PDB file of N, CA and C in Angstrom:
ATOM      1  N   MET A   1      21.969   6.565  59.018  1.00  0.00           N
ATOM      2  CA  MET A   1      23.142   7.023  59.749  1.00  0.00           C
ATOM      3  C   MET A   1      24.280   7.266  58.759  1.00  0.00           C
ATOM      4  N   ILE A   2      24.932   8.387  58.895  1.00  0.00           N
ATOM      5  CA  ILE A   2      26.066   8.749  58.052  1.00  0.00           C
ATOM      6  C   ILE A   2      27.347   8.499  58.836  1.00  0.00           C
ATOM      7  N   THR A   3      28.278   7.809  58.221  1.00  0.00           N
ATOM      8  CA  THR A   3      29.587   7.602  58.829  1.00  0.00           C
ATOM      9  C   THR A   3      30.619   8.302  57.965  1.00  0.00           C
ATOM     10  N   ASP A   4      31.356   9.221  58.568  1.00  0.00           N
ATOM     11  CA  ASP A   4      32.422   9.914  57.860  1.00  0.00           C
ATOM     12  C   ASP A   4      33.677   9.049  57.906  1.00  0.00           C
ATOM     13  N   ALA A   5      34.409   9.039  56.812  1.00  0.00           N
ATOM     14  CA  ALA A   5      35.606   8.202  56.726  1.00  0.00           C
ATOM     15  C   ALA A   5      36.707   8.940  55.987  1.00  0.00           C
ATOM     16  N   ILE A   6      37.920   8.611  56.340  1.00  0.00           N
ATOM     17  CA  ILE A   6      39.119   9.143  55.690  1.00  0.00           C
ATOM     18  C   ILE A   6      39.840   7.945  55.077  1.00  0.00           C
ATOM     19  N   GLU A   7      40.291   8.085  53.839  1.00  0.00           N
ATOM     20  CA  GLU A   7      40.965   6.971  53.174  1.00  0.00           C
ATOM     21  C   GLU A   7      42.301   7.399  52.587  1.00  0.00           C
ATOM     22  N   ILE A   8      43.253   6.508  52.683  1.00  0.00           N
ATOM     23  CA  ILE A   8      44.513   6.606  51.951  1.00  0.00           C
ATOM     24  C   ILE A   8      44.539   5.352  51.085  1.00  0.00           C
ATOM     25  N   ARG A   9      44.656   5.520  49.782  1.00  0.00           N
ATOM     26  CA  ARG A   9      44.597   4.375  48.874  1.00  0.00           C
ATOM     27  C   ARG A   9      45.874   4.262  48.051  1.00  0.00           C
ATOM     28  N   GLY A  10      46.378   3.044  47.966  1.00  0.00           N
ATOM     29  CA  GLY A  10      47.510   2.777  47.094  1.00  0.00           C
ATOM     30  C   GLY A  10      48.822   3.384  47.554  1.00  0.00           C
ATOM     31  N   LEU A  11      49.012   3.498  48.878  1.00  0.00           N
ATOM     32  CA  LEU A  11      50.275   4.004  49.415  1.00  0.00           C
ATOM     33  C   LEU A  11      51.371   2.984  49.118  1.00  0.00           C
ATOM     34  N   GLU A  12      52.389   3.404  48.402  1.00  0.00           N
ATOM     35  CA  GLU A  12      53.492   2.508  48.059  1.00  0.00           C
ATOM     36  C   GLU A  12      54.495   2.450  49.199  1.00  0.00           C
ATOM     37  N   ILE A  13      54.806   1.224  49.603  1.00  0.00           N
ATOM     38  CA  ILE A  13      55.821   1.020  50.633  1.00  0.00           C
ATOM     39  C   ILE A  13      56.809  -0.017  50.113  1.00  0.00           C
ATOM     40  N   ASP A  14      58.033   0.070  50.601  1.00  0.00           N
ATOM     41  CA  ASP A  14      59.063  -0.926  50.307  1.00  0.00           C
ATOM     42  C   ASP A  14      59.455  -1.567  51.624  1.00  0.00           C
ATOM     43  N   THR A  15      59.449  -2.889  51.635  1.00  0.00           N
ATOM     44  CA  THR A  15      59.778  -3.604  52.861  1.00  0.00           C
ATOM     45  C   THR A  15      60.335  -4.979  52.527  1.00  0.00           C
ATOM     46  N   HIS A  16      61.107  -5.511  53.448  1.00  0.00           N
ATOM     47  CA  HIS A  16      61.636  -6.872  53.323  1.00  0.00           C
ATOM     48  C   HIS A  16      60.622  -7.797  53.977  1.00  0.00           C
ATOM     49  N   ILE A  17      59.945  -8.595  53.148  1.00  0.00           N
ATOM     50  CA  ILE A  17      58.853  -9.418  53.659  1.00  0.00           C
ATOM     51  C   ILE A  17      58.768 -10.701  52.857  1.00  0.00           C
ATOM     52  N   GLY A  18      58.378 -11.779  53.515  1.00  0.00           N
ATOM     53  CA  GLY A  18      58.201 -13.055  52.837  1.00  0.00           C
ATOM     54  C   GLY A  18      58.703 -14.191  53.695  1.00  0.00           C
ATOM     55  N   VAL A  19      58.167 -15.364  53.473  1.00  0.00           N
ATOM     56  CA  VAL A  19      58.542 -16.527  54.284  1.00  0.00           C
ATOM     57  C   VAL A  19      59.934 -17.034  53.928  1.00  0.00           C
ATOM     58  N   PRO A  20      60.247 -17.277  52.664  1.00  0.00           N
ATOM     59  CA  PRO A  20      61.609 -17.748  52.365  1.00  0.00           C
ATOM     60  C   PRO A  20      62.643 -16.620  52.554  1.00  0.00           C
ATOM     61  N   ASP A  21      63.812 -16.973  53.026  1.00  0.00           N
ATOM     62  CA  ASP A  21      64.882 -15.992  53.193  1.00  0.00           C
ATOM     63  C   ASP A  21      65.170 -15.255  51.888  1.00  0.00           C
ATOM     64  N   ALA A  22      65.155 -15.989  50.786  1.00  0.00           N
ATOM     65  CA  ALA A  22      65.458 -15.383  49.487  1.00  0.00           C
ATOM     66  C   ALA A  22      64.448 -14.309  49.122  1.00  0.00           C
ATOM     67  N   GLU A  23      63.193 -14.503  49.513  1.00  0.00           N
ATOM     68  CA  GLU A  23      62.163 -13.498  49.210  1.00  0.00           C
ATOM     69  C   GLU A  23      62.380 -12.219  50.024  1.00  0.00           C
ATOM     70  N   ARG A  24      62.845 -12.369  51.260  1.00  0.00           N
ATOM     71  CA  ARG A  24      63.098 -11.210  52.130  1.00  0.00           C
ATOM     72  C   ARG A  24      64.403 -10.500  51.800  1.00  0.00           C
ATOM     73  N   ALA A  25      65.246 -11.105  51.000  1.00  0.00           N
ATOM     74  CA  ALA A  25      66.573 -10.541  50.719  1.00  0.00           C
ATOM     75  C   ALA A  25      66.492  -9.171  50.038  1.00  0.00           C
ATOM     76  N   GLN A  26      65.512  -8.999  49.170  1.00  0.00           N
ATOM     77  CA  GLN A  26      65.337  -7.722  48.473  1.00  0.00           C
ATOM     78  C   GLN A  26      64.034  -7.075  48.937  1.00  0.00           C
ATOM     79  N   ALA A  27      64.040  -5.764  49.055  1.00  0.00           N
ATOM     80  CA  ALA A  27      62.809  -5.056  49.414  1.00  0.00           C
ATOM     81  C   ALA A  27      61.767  -5.263  48.319  1.00  0.00           C
ATOM     82  N   GLN A  28      60.536  -5.423  48.748  1.00  0.00           N
ATOM     83  CA  GLN A  28      59.416  -5.571  47.821  1.00  0.00           C
ATOM     84  C   GLN A  28      58.503  -4.357  47.914  1.00  0.00           C
ATOM     85  N   ARG A  29      57.903  -4.027  46.796  1.00  0.00           N
ATOM     86  CA  ARG A  29      56.913  -2.951  46.753  1.00  0.00           C
ATOM     87  C   ARG A  29      55.557  -3.548  47.095  1.00  0.00           C
ATOM     88  N   LEU A  30      54.891  -2.955  48.085  1.00  0.00           N
ATOM     89  CA  LEU A  30      53.533  -3.326  48.466  1.00  0.00           C
ATOM     90  C   LEU A  30      52.660  -2.086  48.338  1.00  0.00           C
ATOM     91  N   LEU A  31      51.360  -2.287  48.208  1.00  0.00           N
ATOM     92  CA  LEU A  31      50.413  -1.180  48.230  1.00  0.00           C
ATOM     93  C   LEU A  31      49.528  -1.321  49.451  1.00  0.00           C
ATOM     94  N   VAL A  32      49.340  -0.205  50.154  1.00  0.00           N
ATOM     95  CA  VAL A  32      48.564  -0.194  51.392  1.00  0.00           C
ATOM     96  C   VAL A  32      47.381   0.758  51.231  1.00  0.00           C
ATOM     97  N   ASP A  33      46.213   0.284  51.652  1.00  0.00           N
ATOM     98  CA  ASP A  33      45.014   1.128  51.745  1.00  0.00           C
ATOM     99  C   ASP A  33      44.627   1.206  53.210  1.00  0.00           C
ATOM    100  N   LEU A  34      44.268   2.402  53.650  1.00  0.00           N
ATOM    101  CA  LEU A  34      43.740   2.591  54.996  1.00  0.00           C
ATOM    102  C   LEU A  34      42.389   3.274  54.890  1.00  0.00           C
ATOM    103  N   GLN A  35      41.433   2.773  55.638  1.00  0.00           N
ATOM    104  CA  GLN A  35      40.157   3.460  55.790  1.00  0.00           C
ATOM    105  C   GLN A  35      39.964   3.696  57.275  1.00  0.00           C
ATOM    106  N   MET A  36      39.719   4.955  57.637  1.00  0.00           N
ATOM    107  CA  MET A  36      39.667   5.337  59.043  1.00  0.00           C
ATOM    108  C   MET A  36      38.355   6.045  59.361  1.00  0.00           C
ATOM    109  N   ILE A  37      37.773   5.687  60.491  1.00  0.00           N
ATOM    110  CA  ILE A  37      36.567   6.340  60.989  1.00  0.00           C
ATOM    111  C   ILE A  37      36.998   7.231  62.153  1.00  0.00           C
ATOM    112  N   PRO A  38      36.930   8.568  61.976  1.00  0.00           N
ATOM    113  CA  PRO A  38      37.384   9.470  63.036  1.00  0.00           C
ATOM    114  C   PRO A  38      36.417   9.495  64.221  1.00  0.00           C
ATOM    115  N   ARG A  39      36.946   9.887  65.371  1.00  0.00           N
ATOM    116  CA  ARG A  39      36.117   9.996  66.582  1.00  0.00           C
ATOM    117  C   ARG A  39      35.044  11.059  66.429  1.00  0.00           C
ATOM    118  N   ARG A  40      35.349  12.099  65.691  1.00  0.00           N
ATOM    119  CA  ARG A  40      34.394  13.180  65.459  1.00  0.00           C
ATOM    120  C   ARG A  40      33.933  13.147  64.010  1.00  0.00           C
ATOM    121  N   GLY A  41      32.680  13.492  63.804  1.00  0.00           N
ATOM    122  CA  GLY A  41      32.193  13.665  62.449  1.00  0.00           C
ATOM    123  C   GLY A  41      32.850  14.889  61.830  1.00  0.00           C
ATOM    124  N   PHE A  42      32.868  14.942  60.521  1.00  0.00           N
ATOM    125  CA  PHE A  42      33.492  16.075  59.838  1.00  0.00           C
ATOM    126  C   PHE A  42      32.866  17.396  60.274  1.00  0.00           C
ATOM    127  N   ASP A  43      31.575  17.390  60.569  1.00  0.00           N
ATOM    128  CA  ASP A  43      30.884  18.609  60.984  1.00  0.00           C
ATOM    129  C   ASP A  43      31.296  19.072  62.379  1.00  0.00           C
ATOM    130  N   GLN A  44      32.028  18.248  63.119  1.00  0.00           N
ATOM    131  CA  GLN A  44      32.469  18.596  64.479  1.00  0.00           C
ATOM    132  C   GLN A  44      33.958  18.933  64.557  1.00  0.00           C
ATOM    133  N   MET A  45      34.641  18.950  63.447  1.00  0.00           N
ATOM    134  CA  MET A  45      36.092  19.152  63.457  1.00  0.00           C
ATOM    135  C   MET A  45      36.512  20.615  63.470  1.00  0.00           C
ATOM    136  N   ALA A  46      35.605  21.510  63.223  1.00  0.00           N
ATOM    137  CA  ALA A  46      35.870  22.951  63.277  1.00  0.00           C
ATOM    138  C   ALA A  46      37.095  23.355  62.448  1.00  0.00           C
ATOM    139  N   ASP A  47      37.311  22.629  61.357  1.00  0.00           N
ATOM    140  CA  ASP A  47      38.406  22.946  60.435  1.00  0.00           C
ATOM    141  C   ASP A  47      39.775  22.934  61.119  1.00  0.00           C
ATOM    142  N   ARG A  48      39.951  22.014  62.111  1.00  0.00           N
ATOM    143  CA  ARG A  48      41.205  21.910  62.867  1.00  0.00           C
ATOM    144  C   ARG A  48      41.886  20.583  62.561  1.00  0.00           C
ATOM    145  N   ILE A  49      43.165  20.646  62.194  1.00  0.00           N
ATOM    146  CA  ILE A  49      43.930  19.440  61.864  1.00  0.00           C
ATOM    147  C   ILE A  49      44.067  18.507  63.066  1.00  0.00           C
ATOM    148  N   ASP A  50      44.128  19.058  64.277  1.00  0.00           N
ATOM    149  CA  ASP A  50      44.282  18.214  65.459  1.00  0.00           C
ATOM    150  C   ASP A  50      43.009  17.438  65.803  1.00  0.00           C
ATOM    151  N   ALA A  51      41.913  17.736  65.122  1.00  0.00           N
ATOM    152  CA  ALA A  51      40.667  17.023  65.349  1.00  0.00           C
ATOM    153  C   ALA A  51      40.495  15.854  64.380  1.00  0.00           C
ATOM    154  N   THR A  52      41.447  15.686  63.482  1.00  0.00           N
ATOM    155  CA  THR A  52      41.324  14.657  62.459  1.00  0.00           C
ATOM    156  C   THR A  52      42.651  13.917  62.288  1.00  0.00           C
ATOM    157  N   VAL A  53      42.820  13.266  61.168  1.00  0.00           N
ATOM    158  CA  VAL A  53      44.050  12.544  60.862  1.00  0.00           C
ATOM    159  C   VAL A  53      44.876  13.384  59.897  1.00  0.00           C
ATOM    160  N   ASP A  54      46.102  13.663  60.291  1.00  0.00           N
ATOM    161  CA  ASP A  54      47.035  14.320  59.375  1.00  0.00           C
ATOM    162  C   ASP A  54      47.550  13.216  58.451  1.00  0.00           C
ATOM    163  N   TYR A  55      46.910  13.057  57.312  1.00  0.00           N
ATOM    164  CA  TYR A  55      47.208  11.913  56.448  1.00  0.00           C
ATOM    165  C   TYR A  55      48.571  11.997  55.798  1.00  0.00           C
ATOM    166  N   PHE A  56      49.142  13.192  55.681  1.00  0.00           N
ATOM    167  CA  PHE A  56      50.513  13.311  55.178  1.00  0.00           C
ATOM    168  C   PHE A  56      51.481  12.687  56.189  1.00  0.00           C
ATOM    169  N   THR A  57      51.331  13.065  57.451  1.00  0.00           N
ATOM    170  CA  THR A  57      52.177  12.513  58.509  1.00  0.00           C
ATOM    171  C   THR A  57      51.973  11.010  58.644  1.00  0.00           C
ATOM    172  N   LEU A  58      50.726  10.569  58.640  1.00  0.00           N
ATOM    173  CA  LEU A  58      50.442   9.143  58.776  1.00  0.00           C
ATOM    174  C   LEU A  58      51.046   8.347  57.621  1.00  0.00           C
ATOM    175  N   SER A  59      50.935   8.839  56.408  1.00  0.00           N
ATOM    176  CA  SER A  59      51.496   8.090  55.282  1.00  0.00           C
ATOM    177  C   SER A  59      53.005   7.950  55.410  1.00  0.00           C
ATOM    178  N   ASN A  60      53.673   8.998  55.877  1.00  0.00           N
ATOM    179  CA  ASN A  60      55.123   8.903  56.113  1.00  0.00           C
ATOM    180  C   ASN A  60      55.437   7.911  57.229  1.00  0.00           C
ATOM    181  N   GLU A  61      54.616   7.882  58.262  1.00  0.00           N
ATOM    182  CA  GLU A  61      54.828   6.930  59.356  1.00  0.00           C
ATOM    183  C   GLU A  61      54.660   5.488  58.873  1.00  0.00           C
ATOM    184  N   VAL A  62      53.650   5.233  58.065  1.00  0.00           N
ATOM    185  CA  VAL A  62      53.425   3.872  57.555  1.00  0.00           C
ATOM    186  C   VAL A  62      54.622   3.408  56.737  1.00  0.00           C
ATOM    187  N   VAL A  63      55.146   4.284  55.898  1.00  0.00           N
ATOM    188  CA  VAL A  63      56.348   3.949  55.115  1.00  0.00           C
ATOM    189  C   VAL A  63      57.503   3.598  56.051  1.00  0.00           C
ATOM    190  N   ALA A  64      57.686   4.400  57.097  1.00  0.00           N
ATOM    191  CA  ALA A  64      58.776   4.165  58.057  1.00  0.00           C
ATOM    192  C   ALA A  64      58.552   2.875  58.848  1.00  0.00           C
ATOM    193  N   TRP A  65      57.326   2.629  59.295  1.00  0.00           N
ATOM    194  CA  TRP A  65      57.034   1.403  60.049  1.00  0.00           C
ATOM    195  C   TRP A  65      57.358   0.171  59.214  1.00  0.00           C
ATOM    196  N   ALA A  66      56.985   0.207  57.948  1.00  0.00           N
ATOM    197  CA  ALA A  66      57.227  -0.943  57.068  1.00  0.00           C
ATOM    198  C   ALA A  66      58.715  -1.212  56.894  1.00  0.00           C
ATOM    199  N   ALA A  67      59.510  -0.153  56.905  1.00  0.00           N
ATOM    200  CA  ALA A  67      60.952  -0.286  56.681  1.00  0.00           C
ATOM    201  C   ALA A  67      61.727  -0.624  57.952  1.00  0.00           C
ATOM    202  N   GLU A  68      61.077  -0.595  59.101  1.00  0.00           N
ATOM    203  CA  GLU A  68      61.767  -0.797  60.380  1.00  0.00           C
ATOM    204  C   GLU A  68      62.498  -2.129  60.490  1.00  0.00           C
ATOM    205  N   ARG A  69      61.863  -3.190  60.000  1.00  0.00           N
ATOM    206  CA  ARG A  69      62.447  -4.526  60.175  1.00  0.00           C
ATOM    207  C   ARG A  69      61.819  -5.491  59.178  1.00  0.00           C
ATOM    208  N   PRO A  70      62.503  -6.572  58.895  1.00  0.00           N
ATOM    209  CA  PRO A  70      61.913  -7.604  58.032  1.00  0.00           C
ATOM    210  C   PRO A  70      60.778  -8.334  58.761  1.00  0.00           C
ATOM    211  N   ARG A  71      59.825  -8.833  57.997  1.00  0.00           N
ATOM    212  CA  ARG A  71      58.729  -9.640  58.528  1.00  0.00           C
ATOM    213  C   ARG A  71      58.498 -10.815  57.590  1.00  0.00           C
ATOM    214  N   LEU A  72      57.929 -11.874  58.132  1.00  0.00           N
ATOM    215  CA  LEU A  72      57.577 -13.019  57.303  1.00  0.00           C
ATOM    216  C   LEU A  72      56.246 -12.780  56.591  1.00  0.00           C
ATOM    217  N   LEU A  73      55.267 -12.243  57.311  1.00  0.00           N
ATOM    218  CA  LEU A  73      53.888 -12.206  56.831  1.00  0.00           C
ATOM    219  C   LEU A  73      53.362 -10.789  56.605  1.00  0.00           C
ATOM    220  N   ILE A  74      52.617 -10.623  55.519  1.00  0.00           N
ATOM    221  CA  ILE A  74      51.933  -9.337  55.323  1.00  0.00           C
ATOM    222  C   ILE A  74      50.808  -9.191  56.350  1.00  0.00           C
ATOM    223  N   GLU A  75      50.322 -10.294  56.876  1.00  0.00           N
ATOM    224  CA  GLU A  75      49.320 -10.243  57.937  1.00  0.00           C
ATOM    225  C   GLU A  75      49.870  -9.531  59.169  1.00  0.00           C
ATOM    226  N   THR A  76      51.117  -9.803  59.507  1.00  0.00           N
ATOM    227  CA  THR A  76      51.769  -9.154  60.646  1.00  0.00           C
ATOM    228  C   THR A  76      51.891  -7.660  60.407  1.00  0.00           C
ATOM    229  N   LEU A  77      52.326  -7.281  59.226  1.00  0.00           N
ATOM    230  CA  LEU A  77      52.469  -5.862  58.894  1.00  0.00           C
ATOM    231  C   LEU A  77      51.122  -5.154  58.928  1.00  0.00           C
ATOM    232  N   ALA A  78      50.077  -5.766  58.399  1.00  0.00           N
ATOM    233  CA  ALA A  78      48.745  -5.157  58.418  1.00  0.00           C
ATOM    234  C   ALA A  78      48.278  -4.910  59.848  1.00  0.00           C
ATOM    235  N   ASP A  79      48.464  -5.901  60.719  1.00  0.00           N
ATOM    236  CA  ASP A  79      48.080  -5.755  62.121  1.00  0.00           C
ATOM    237  C   ASP A  79      48.867  -4.628  62.790  1.00  0.00           C
ATOM    238  N   GLU A  80      50.172  -4.566  62.547  1.00  0.00           N
ATOM    239  CA  GLU A  80      50.997  -3.518  63.150  1.00  0.00           C
ATOM    240  C   GLU A  80      50.566  -2.127  62.684  1.00  0.00           C
ATOM    241  N   ILE A  81      50.306  -1.973  61.403  1.00  0.00           N
ATOM    242  CA  ILE A  81      49.878  -0.675  60.878  1.00  0.00           C
ATOM    243  C   ILE A  81      48.541  -0.277  61.502  1.00  0.00           C
ATOM    244  N   ALA A  82      47.598  -1.210  61.555  1.00  0.00           N
ATOM    245  CA  ALA A  82      46.282  -0.903  62.124  1.00  0.00           C
ATOM    246  C   ALA A  82      46.393  -0.524  63.599  1.00  0.00           C
ATOM    247  N   THR A  83      47.132  -1.300  64.354  1.00  0.00           N
ATOM    248  CA  THR A  83      47.267  -1.057  65.798  1.00  0.00           C
ATOM    249  C   THR A  83      47.947   0.275  66.080  1.00  0.00           C
ATOM    250  N   ARG A  84      49.032   0.560  65.383  1.00  0.00           N
ATOM    251  CA  ARG A  84      49.761   1.815  65.610  1.00  0.00           C
ATOM    252  C   ARG A  84      48.947   3.027  65.169  1.00  0.00           C
ATOM    253  N   THR A  85      48.219   2.881  64.074  1.00  0.00           N
ATOM    254  CA  THR A  85      47.387   3.988  63.600  1.00  0.00           C
ATOM    255  C   THR A  85      46.276   4.284  64.604  1.00  0.00           C
ATOM    256  N   LEU A  86      45.646   3.252  65.095  1.00  0.00           N
ATOM    257  CA  LEU A  86      44.563   3.424  66.064  1.00  0.00           C
ATOM    258  C   LEU A  86      45.064   4.068  67.352  1.00  0.00           C
ATOM    259  N   ARG A  87      46.266   3.702  67.774  1.00  0.00           N
ATOM    260  CA  ARG A  87      46.853   4.288  68.991  1.00  0.00           C
ATOM    261  C   ARG A  87      47.243   5.752  68.808  1.00  0.00           C
ATOM    262  N   GLY A  88      47.688   6.107  67.605  1.00  0.00           N
ATOM    263  CA  GLY A  88      48.281   7.420  67.402  1.00  0.00           C
ATOM    264  C   GLY A  88      47.356   8.507  66.899  1.00  0.00           C
ATOM    265  N   TYR A  89      46.134   8.148  66.528  1.00  0.00           N
ATOM    266  CA  TYR A  89      45.237   9.126  65.912  1.00  0.00           C
ATOM    267  C   TYR A  89      43.845   9.029  66.519  1.00  0.00           C
ATOM    268  N   PRO A  90      43.070  10.128  66.469  1.00  0.00           N
ATOM    269  CA  PRO A  90      41.735  10.133  67.070  1.00  0.00           C
ATOM    270  C   PRO A  90      40.717   9.382  66.205  1.00  0.00           C
ATOM    271  N   LEU A  91      40.763   8.059  66.310  1.00  0.00           N
ATOM    272  CA  LEU A  91      39.944   7.201  65.470  1.00  0.00           C
ATOM    273  C   LEU A  91      39.084   6.257  66.297  1.00  0.00           C
ATOM    274  N   ILE A  92      37.957   5.896  65.729  1.00  0.00           N
ATOM    275  CA  ILE A  92      37.110   4.846  66.293  1.00  0.00           C
ATOM    276  C   ILE A  92      37.529   3.504  65.703  1.00  0.00           C
ATOM    277  N   GLU A  93      37.887   3.534  64.407  1.00  0.00           N
ATOM    278  CA  GLU A  93      38.182   2.291  63.705  1.00  0.00           C
ATOM    279  C   GLU A  93      39.133   2.552  62.559  1.00  0.00           C
ATOM    280  N   VAL A  94      39.952   1.549  62.260  1.00  0.00           N
ATOM    281  CA  VAL A  94      40.831   1.606  61.094  1.00  0.00           C
ATOM    282  C   VAL A  94      40.825   0.243  60.408  1.00  0.00           C
ATOM    283  N   SER A  95      40.786   0.280  59.094  1.00  0.00           N
ATOM    284  CA  SER A  95      40.903  -0.928  58.283  1.00  0.00           C
ATOM    285  C   SER A  95      42.126  -0.785  57.384  1.00  0.00           C
ATOM    286  N   VAL A  96      42.886  -1.854  57.290  1.00  0.00           N
ATOM    287  CA  VAL A  96      44.109  -1.844  56.490  1.00  0.00           C
ATOM    288  C   VAL A  96      44.039  -2.991  55.492  1.00  0.00           C
ATOM    289  N   THR A  97      44.340  -2.687  54.249  1.00  0.00           N
ATOM    290  CA  THR A  97      44.482  -3.698  53.209  1.00  0.00           C
ATOM    291  C   THR A  97      45.889  -3.580  52.640  1.00  0.00           C
ATOM    292  N   ILE A  98      46.563  -4.706  52.502  1.00  0.00           N
ATOM    293  CA  ILE A  98      47.901  -4.722  51.895  1.00  0.00           C
ATOM    294  C   ILE A  98      47.856  -5.644  50.693  1.00  0.00           C
ATOM    295  N   ARG A  99      48.365  -5.133  49.567  1.00  0.00           N
ATOM    296  CA  ARG A  99      48.464  -5.925  48.343  1.00  0.00           C
ATOM    297  C   ARG A  99      49.934  -6.222  48.064  1.00  0.00           C
ATOM    298  N   LYS A 100      50.186  -7.497  47.765  1.00  0.00           N
ATOM    299  CA  LYS A 100      51.544  -7.977  47.496  1.00  0.00           C
ATOM    300  C   LYS A 100      51.552  -8.629  46.118  1.00  0.00           C
ATOM    301  N   PHE A 101      52.562  -8.325  45.338  1.00  0.00           N
ATOM    302  CA  PHE A 101      52.641  -8.769  43.945  1.00  0.00           C
ATOM    303  C   PHE A 101      53.715  -9.853  43.822  1.00  0.00           C
ATOM    304  N   ILE A 102      53.352 -11.064  44.214  1.00  0.00           N
ATOM    305  CA  ILE A 102      54.352 -12.115  44.324  1.00  0.00           C
ATOM    306  C   ILE A 102      54.003 -13.381  43.544  1.00  0.00           C
ATOM    307  N   LEU A 103      52.744 -13.725  43.431  1.00  0.00           N
ATOM    308  CA  LEU A 103      52.367 -14.980  42.786  1.00  0.00           C
ATOM    309  C   LEU A 103      52.253 -14.809  41.280  1.00  0.00           C
ATOM    310  N   PRO A 104      52.803 -15.761  40.545  1.00  0.00           N
ATOM    311  CA  PRO A 104      52.632 -15.703  39.088  1.00  0.00           C
ATOM    312  C   PRO A 104      51.154 -15.922  38.728  1.00  0.00           C
ATOM    313  N   ASN A 105      50.765 -15.377  37.611  1.00  0.00           N
ATOM    314  CA  ASN A 105      49.411 -15.541  37.078  1.00  0.00           C
ATOM    315  C   ASN A 105      48.319 -14.971  37.978  1.00  0.00           C
ATOM    316  N   THR A 106      48.686 -14.028  38.844  1.00  0.00           N
ATOM    317  CA  THR A 106      47.690 -13.342  39.674  1.00  0.00           C
ATOM    318  C   THR A 106      47.961 -11.849  39.613  1.00  0.00           C
ATOM    319  N   GLU A 107      46.918 -11.089  39.830  1.00  0.00           N
ATOM    320  CA  GLU A 107      47.099  -9.637  39.909  1.00  0.00           C
ATOM    321  C   GLU A 107      47.841  -9.282  41.200  1.00  0.00           C
ATOM    322  N   TYR A 108      47.381  -9.860  42.308  1.00  0.00           N
ATOM    323  CA  TYR A 108      48.035  -9.658  43.607  1.00  0.00           C
ATOM    324  C   TYR A 108      47.434 -10.601  44.636  1.00  0.00           C
ATOM    325  N   VAL A 109      48.092 -10.669  45.789  1.00  0.00           N
ATOM    326  CA  VAL A 109      47.582 -11.331  46.984  1.00  0.00           C
ATOM    327  C   VAL A 109      47.309 -10.203  47.973  1.00  0.00           C
ATOM    328  N   ALA A 110      46.222 -10.303  48.722  1.00  0.00           N
ATOM    329  CA  ALA A 110      45.888  -9.217  49.648  1.00  0.00           C
ATOM    330  C   ALA A 110      45.439  -9.773  50.994  1.00  0.00           C
ATOM    331  N   VAL A 111      45.692  -8.981  52.035  1.00  0.00           N
ATOM    332  CA  VAL A 111      45.136  -9.245  53.359  1.00  0.00           C
ATOM    333  C   VAL A 111      44.418  -7.983  53.804  1.00  0.00           C
ATOM    334  N   HIS A 112      43.462  -8.169  54.690  1.00  0.00           N
ATOM    335  CA  HIS A 112      42.662  -7.048  55.179  1.00  0.00           C
ATOM    336  C   HIS A 112      42.400  -7.263  56.663  1.00  0.00           C
ATOM    337  N   CYS A 113      42.570  -6.222  57.460  1.00  0.00           N
ATOM    338  CA  CYS A 113      42.218  -6.319  58.874  1.00  0.00           C
ATOM    339  C   CYS A 113      41.541  -5.023  59.316  1.00  0.00           C
ATOM    340  N   THR A 114      40.681  -5.148  60.313  1.00  0.00           N
ATOM    341  CA  THR A 114      39.997  -4.003  60.896  1.00  0.00           C
ATOM    342  C   THR A 114      40.208  -4.046  62.401  1.00  0.00           C
ATOM    343  N   ARG A 115      40.558  -2.914  62.964  1.00  0.00           N
ATOM    344  CA  ARG A 115      40.726  -2.797  64.406  1.00  0.00           C
ATOM    345  C   ARG A 115      39.848  -1.644  64.907  1.00  0.00           C
ATOM    346  N   THR A 116      39.238  -1.851  66.076  1.00  0.00           N
ATOM    347  CA  THR A 116      38.341  -0.869  66.669  1.00  0.00           C
ATOM    348  C   THR A 116      38.910  -0.419  68.009  1.00  0.00           C
ATOM    349  N   ALA A 117      38.786   0.881  68.272  1.00  0.00           N
ATOM    350  CA  ALA A 117      39.292   1.444  69.532  1.00  0.00           C
ATOM    351  C   ALA A 117      38.504   0.899  70.714  1.00  0.00           C
ATOM    352  N   GLN A 118      39.207   0.676  71.799  1.00  0.00           N
ATOM    353  CA  GLN A 118      38.544   0.288  73.047  1.00  0.00           C
ATOM    354  C   GLN A 118      37.982   1.549  73.678  1.00  0.00           C
ATOM    355  N   VAL A 119      36.703   1.539  73.950  1.00  0.00           N
ATOM    356  CA  VAL A 119      36.037   2.739  74.498  1.00  0.00           C
ATOM    357  C   VAL A 119      36.092   2.747  75.987  1.00  0.00           C
TER     358      VAL A 119
END
């Protein structure tokens, strides 16, 4: 079985996030990856943008969603991005990974969530 997927990798977002107030005081740079399984296979899209994900528009929306308000947890942001993406685009499934560069002596901390459309 072949599964067609659309990916956005390493989308840079700036957001106020973190548990301590001091951490949320300044916007932090995070990297977001999205992997999306469209409702239609690529062979069924008939070269129409409305049959797929407009990834330019979606990437701008993710940046805007992240900037909407401060959050404590990157887990919350990942869930919000996944849920809103699934609601707004013709998808069966979306997976979101967020990387945060906060801990010393580490490359990054990451969270990952997957949400599936209710059929």
